[in-house]
Protein backbone atom coordinates (compact mmCIF):
# COMPACT_ATOMS: atom_id res chain seq x y z
CA MET A 1 -0.03 -0.01 0.07
CA GLY A 2 1.40 3.39 -1.15
CA LYS A 3 2.05 6.35 1.03
CA ALA A 4 -0.98 8.65 1.40
CA LEU A 5 -1.02 11.76 -0.66
CA ARG A 6 -1.32 14.85 1.64
CA LEU A 7 -2.98 16.97 -0.78
CA GLU A 8 -5.16 14.45 -2.69
CA ASP A 9 -7.95 16.14 -4.71
CA LYS A 10 -7.17 19.55 -3.22
CA VAL A 11 -7.25 22.51 -5.69
CA ALA A 12 -4.15 24.64 -5.17
CA ILE A 13 -3.31 27.93 -6.71
CA VAL A 14 0.49 28.58 -6.91
CA THR A 15 1.58 32.02 -7.77
CA GLY A 16 4.77 32.59 -9.56
CA SER A 17 5.01 29.07 -10.58
CA GLY A 18 7.03 29.57 -13.86
CA ALA A 19 10.56 29.26 -12.14
CA GLY A 20 12.40 28.83 -8.98
CA ILE A 21 10.77 27.88 -5.66
CA GLY A 22 7.42 28.38 -7.24
CA LYS A 23 7.99 25.95 -9.92
CA VAL A 24 9.04 23.24 -7.67
CA ILE A 25 6.11 23.98 -5.08
CA ALA A 26 3.71 23.40 -8.11
CA GLN A 27 5.55 20.20 -8.97
CA VAL A 28 5.68 18.86 -5.41
CA PHE A 29 2.09 19.70 -4.78
CA ALA A 30 1.03 17.73 -7.97
CA LYS A 31 2.93 14.75 -6.82
CA GLU A 32 1.07 14.97 -3.54
CA GLY A 33 -2.24 14.79 -5.32
CA ALA A 34 -3.29 18.25 -5.74
CA LYS A 35 -4.89 19.71 -8.87
CA VAL A 36 -2.45 22.73 -9.54
CA VAL A 37 -3.35 26.07 -10.81
CA GLY A 38 0.03 27.53 -11.87
CA ALA A 39 0.11 31.42 -12.16
CA SER A 40 2.77 33.46 -13.61
CA ARG A 41 3.29 36.71 -15.45
CA ARG A 42 4.76 35.12 -18.46
CA ALA A 43 3.19 32.20 -20.10
CA VAL A 44 6.55 31.18 -21.83
CA ASN A 45 7.66 30.24 -18.15
CA GLY A 46 4.28 29.00 -16.71
CA GLN A 47 2.76 26.96 -19.18
CA PRO A 48 5.51 24.42 -19.68
CA VAL A 49 5.52 23.76 -15.96
CA ILE A 50 2.01 22.76 -16.14
CA ASP A 51 2.47 20.88 -19.42
CA ALA A 52 5.06 18.83 -17.60
CA ILE A 53 2.90 18.17 -14.58
CA VAL A 54 0.20 16.84 -16.94
CA ALA A 55 2.54 14.75 -18.91
CA ASP A 56 3.68 13.12 -15.72
CA GLY A 57 0.19 12.15 -14.91
CA GLY A 58 -0.78 14.99 -12.68
CA GLU A 59 -3.67 17.48 -13.06
CA GLY A 60 -3.51 21.28 -13.64
CA ILE A 61 -3.98 24.30 -15.68
CA PHE A 62 -1.97 27.53 -16.41
CA ILE A 63 -3.47 31.01 -16.00
CA GLN A 64 -1.46 33.97 -16.88
CA CYS A 65 -1.69 36.53 -14.19
CA ASP A 66 0.29 39.69 -12.97
CA VAL A 67 -0.65 39.41 -9.16
CA SER A 68 -0.36 43.25 -8.76
CA VAL A 69 -3.19 43.80 -11.20
CA GLU A 70 -6.67 43.24 -9.62
CA SER A 71 -8.45 42.28 -12.90
CA ASP A 72 -5.68 39.52 -13.51
CA VAL A 73 -6.32 38.29 -10.06
CA ARG A 74 -10.12 38.16 -10.44
CA ASN A 75 -9.62 36.39 -13.63
CA MET A 76 -7.38 33.74 -12.04
CA ILE A 77 -9.78 32.99 -9.33
CA ALA A 78 -12.80 32.86 -11.88
CA LYS A 79 -11.12 30.60 -14.01
CA THR A 80 -10.12 28.39 -11.21
CA ILE A 81 -13.69 28.25 -9.97
CA GLU A 82 -14.98 27.60 -13.56
CA THR A 83 -12.64 24.65 -14.00
CA TYR A 84 -12.45 22.92 -10.45
CA GLY A 85 -15.38 24.42 -8.80
CA ARG A 86 -13.38 25.30 -5.41
CA ILE A 87 -10.09 26.54 -3.93
CA ASP A 88 -8.63 24.60 -1.20
CA VAL A 89 -5.00 26.13 -1.00
CA LEU A 90 -3.29 29.32 -2.14
CA VAL A 91 0.47 29.78 -2.26
CA ASN A 92 1.31 33.42 -2.59
CA ASN A 93 4.85 32.94 -3.98
CA ALA A 94 5.11 35.50 -6.61
CA GLY A 95 7.55 38.14 -5.85
CA VAL A 96 10.26 40.52 -7.22
CA ASN A 97 13.40 41.87 -5.59
CA PHE A 98 16.40 44.15 -6.45
CA MET A 99 19.48 45.47 -4.52
CA LYS A 100 19.92 49.11 -4.48
CA ASN A 101 21.17 51.77 -2.17
CA PHE A 102 18.20 53.35 -0.43
CA GLU A 103 19.19 56.86 -1.67
CA ASP A 104 18.93 55.67 -5.14
CA VAL A 105 15.56 53.97 -4.72
CA GLU A 106 12.98 55.78 -6.86
CA PRO A 107 9.03 55.81 -6.20
CA GLU A 108 8.63 53.44 -9.02
CA ASP A 109 11.18 51.07 -7.69
CA TRP A 110 9.35 50.86 -4.32
CA ASP A 111 5.99 50.60 -6.23
CA ARG A 112 7.15 47.62 -8.42
CA VAL A 113 8.47 45.64 -5.41
CA VAL A 114 5.58 46.39 -2.98
CA ASN A 115 2.86 46.07 -5.56
CA VAL A 116 3.89 42.58 -6.53
CA ASP A 117 5.03 41.21 -3.23
CA LEU A 118 2.76 42.78 -0.82
CA ARG A 119 -0.48 44.10 -2.86
CA GLY A 120 -0.37 40.79 -4.78
CA THR A 121 -0.46 38.73 -1.65
CA TYR A 122 -3.44 40.94 -0.49
CA LEU A 123 -5.29 40.66 -3.79
CA CYS A 124 -4.84 36.90 -4.09
CA SER A 125 -5.63 36.29 -0.44
CA ARG A 126 -8.77 38.48 -0.75
CA TYR A 127 -10.49 36.97 -3.69
CA ALA A 128 -9.28 33.33 -2.76
CA THR A 129 -10.64 33.68 0.62
CA LEU A 130 -14.13 34.78 -0.80
CA GLU A 131 -14.27 31.39 -2.26
CA MET A 132 -12.83 29.47 0.60
CA LEU A 133 -15.53 31.02 2.87
CA LYS A 134 -18.22 29.48 0.62
CA MET A 135 -16.62 26.07 1.33
CA GLY A 136 -15.92 26.63 4.96
CA SER A 137 -12.28 25.83 4.80
CA GLY A 138 -9.07 26.70 3.35
CA SER A 139 -5.34 27.19 3.80
CA VAL A 140 -3.10 30.02 2.71
CA VAL A 141 0.75 29.83 2.63
CA ASN A 142 2.67 33.01 1.96
CA ILE A 143 6.19 33.00 0.99
CA SER A 144 8.22 35.47 2.78
CA THR A 145 12.19 35.53 3.76
CA VAL A 146 14.62 35.24 6.51
CA HIS A 147 14.75 38.89 6.06
CA VAL A 148 11.92 39.32 8.42
CA HIS A 149 14.08 38.10 11.21
CA ALA A 150 17.34 40.06 10.26
CA CYS A 151 17.75 42.33 7.17
CA LEU A 152 20.38 43.14 4.72
CA PRO A 153 21.41 46.67 3.47
CA THR A 154 20.16 47.84 -0.02
CA ALA A 155 16.97 45.77 0.21
CA GLY A 156 14.63 48.19 1.80
CA PRO A 157 11.44 47.87 -0.39
CA TYR A 158 11.70 44.12 -0.47
CA ASP A 159 12.23 43.90 3.38
CA ALA A 160 9.38 46.10 3.96
CA ALA A 161 7.01 44.20 1.69
CA LYS A 162 8.00 40.85 3.27
CA TRP A 163 7.69 42.19 6.79
CA GLY A 164 4.14 43.32 5.80
CA ILE A 165 3.32 39.83 4.42
CA VAL A 166 3.96 38.42 7.89
CA GLY A 167 1.91 40.95 9.57
CA LEU A 168 -0.87 40.50 7.04
CA THR A 169 -0.81 36.85 7.60
CA LYS A 170 -0.92 37.03 11.45
CA SER A 171 -3.80 39.34 11.32
CA LEU A 172 -5.72 37.20 8.91
CA ALA A 173 -4.94 34.06 10.85
CA VAL A 174 -6.74 35.52 14.04
CA GLU A 175 -9.68 36.94 11.86
CA PHE A 176 -10.44 33.76 10.13
CA ALA A 177 -9.57 31.07 12.57
CA SER A 178 -13.03 30.68 13.70
CA ARG A 179 -14.09 30.24 9.98
CA ASN A 180 -11.78 27.25 9.35
CA ILE A 181 -9.35 29.17 7.18
CA ARG A 182 -5.49 29.05 8.00
CA PHE A 183 -2.94 31.48 7.05
CA ASN A 184 0.79 30.71 7.54
CA VAL A 185 4.16 31.77 6.31
CA VAL A 186 7.15 30.00 4.97
CA SER A 187 10.45 32.06 5.29
CA PRO A 188 13.33 30.52 3.29
CA GLY A 189 16.90 31.37 3.73
CA THR A 190 19.55 30.84 1.21
CA ILE A 191 18.18 28.59 -1.46
CA ALA A 192 19.78 26.94 -4.41
CA THR A 193 18.03 28.68 -7.27
CA GLN A 194 19.09 30.14 -10.63
CA ILE A 195 19.34 33.60 -8.93
CA LEU A 196 21.88 32.26 -6.48
CA ASP A 197 23.78 30.51 -9.28
CA ASP A 198 23.94 33.87 -11.12
CA VAL A 199 25.27 35.69 -7.95
CA ILE A 200 27.97 33.02 -7.64
CA ALA A 201 28.92 33.08 -11.13
CA ALA A 202 29.30 36.79 -11.15
CA ALA A 203 31.67 36.78 -8.00
CA PRO A 204 35.34 37.26 -8.63
CA SER A 205 35.63 33.88 -6.77
CA ALA A 206 32.73 31.52 -6.75
CA ASP A 207 34.58 29.44 -4.01
CA ASP A 208 34.93 32.39 -1.86
CA VAL A 209 31.38 33.48 -1.89
CA LEU A 210 29.96 30.11 -1.55
CA ASN A 211 32.15 29.52 1.45
CA TRP A 212 31.08 32.75 3.00
CA LEU A 213 27.43 31.97 2.24
CA ASN A 214 27.91 28.44 3.72
CA SER A 215 29.59 29.99 6.88
CA ASN A 216 26.39 31.91 7.84
CA ILE A 217 24.22 28.69 7.75
CA PRO A 218 24.70 26.15 10.52
CA MET A 219 23.89 23.21 8.00
CA GLU A 220 26.74 24.60 5.87
CA ARG A 221 24.82 24.53 2.59
CA PRO A 222 22.07 26.31 0.77
CA GLY A 223 18.60 24.78 0.94
CA THR A 224 16.80 23.28 -1.93
CA CYS A 225 13.61 24.33 -3.70
CA GLU A 226 12.09 20.83 -2.68
CA GLU A 227 12.77 21.73 0.97
CA VAL A 228 10.76 24.68 0.81
CA ALA A 229 8.19 23.11 -1.17
CA ASN A 230 7.75 20.30 1.44
CA ALA A 231 7.25 22.91 4.08
CA CYS A 232 4.39 24.41 1.99
CA VAL A 233 2.86 20.90 1.64
CA PHE A 234 2.83 20.42 5.43
CA LEU A 235 1.24 23.71 6.10
CA ALA A 236 -1.40 23.42 3.30
CA SER A 237 -2.23 19.79 4.34
CA ASP A 238 -4.54 18.58 7.15
CA ASP A 239 -1.32 17.52 9.03
CA ALA A 240 -1.26 21.31 10.05
CA SER A 241 -4.89 21.50 10.95
CA TYR A 242 -4.11 23.25 14.30
CA ILE A 243 -1.36 25.60 12.85
CA THR A 244 -2.34 29.03 11.94
CA GLY A 245 -0.41 32.43 12.23
CA ALA A 246 2.98 30.68 12.17
CA ASN A 247 6.12 31.59 10.29
CA LEU A 248 8.09 28.64 9.45
CA TYR A 249 11.81 29.31 8.82
CA VAL A 250 13.29 26.98 6.28
CA ASP A 251 16.80 28.30 6.62
CA GLY A 252 19.22 25.56 7.87
CA GLY A 253 19.47 27.34 11.11
CA MET A 254 20.66 30.70 9.59
CA THR A 255 18.42 32.82 11.74
CA SER A 256 19.68 31.07 14.92
CA LEU A 257 23.24 31.84 14.22
CA LEU A 258 24.61 34.91 16.12
CA LEU A 259 27.86 35.36 14.18
CA SER A 260 29.25 33.80 10.84
CA LYS A 261 31.17 30.68 11.72
CA GLN A 262 33.65 31.58 9.31
CA ARG A 263 34.58 34.84 11.09
CA PHE A 264 34.65 32.92 14.32
CA GLU A 265 37.02 30.24 13.02
CA LEU A 266 39.35 32.86 11.48
CA GLY A 267 40.03 33.94 15.05
CA ALA A 268 38.09 37.29 15.00
CA LEU A 269 37.05 36.76 18.55
CA GLU A 270 40.18 34.86 19.93
CA GLY A 271 41.58 36.75 23.03
CA LYS A 272 38.75 39.16 23.11
CA GLU A 273 36.45 39.82 26.00
CA ARG A 274 32.99 38.55 25.49
């Protein structure tokens, strides 16, 4: 007898499913039995992900959607209901980021990040929740970041938006707990994605930057997209039926580390008073 599928027959929307963490969340959800509605701004990225899920025996549809645009979100929800008749799970994964000194951040830079990351989470949550209320149940998983524990310079709009996601999640968790709709956050640390590969490739020494990154992670490696996706499966499933308002760090212990182990091992604190 095979292992029970944790999301069997659940209808799950995954935004930003065309690449990176969102792509793998969609794939893992499908393997766990979900009917996946993949949504991304570009069909050239998003459609092949769903096509591969279907070719592998899963079930899903792709809907082109810019989560910062209300009409796009309403269309995504309407097409999901038209196809499957319900929404059981929403994963708000779509997001953008850039690194820029704050004095160089223009209003349009701020709007771009906050509109996708925070406004998009609000819009998708609002319209999905209206459908979940009709069924009397649902689970929303919002993707944030370890930046909500400790921040980096030059990431002001991103950090502000991701902190806002945590605040919104906790507020909605309290508001909807009695109506059987759960809201939780997954906050990834350093994850092995194409973005990380590009950062490492652009560095003068790939070994140096990878060693430095690993020195800030007690498990001494980046996480995988599958490890993030597995956390999302858990929070979306009935296994997490008594969990709402939580922020689950998937970071290899990064947020528990006071100082980089590399600096400590290099003797930066040797002979110093503590």
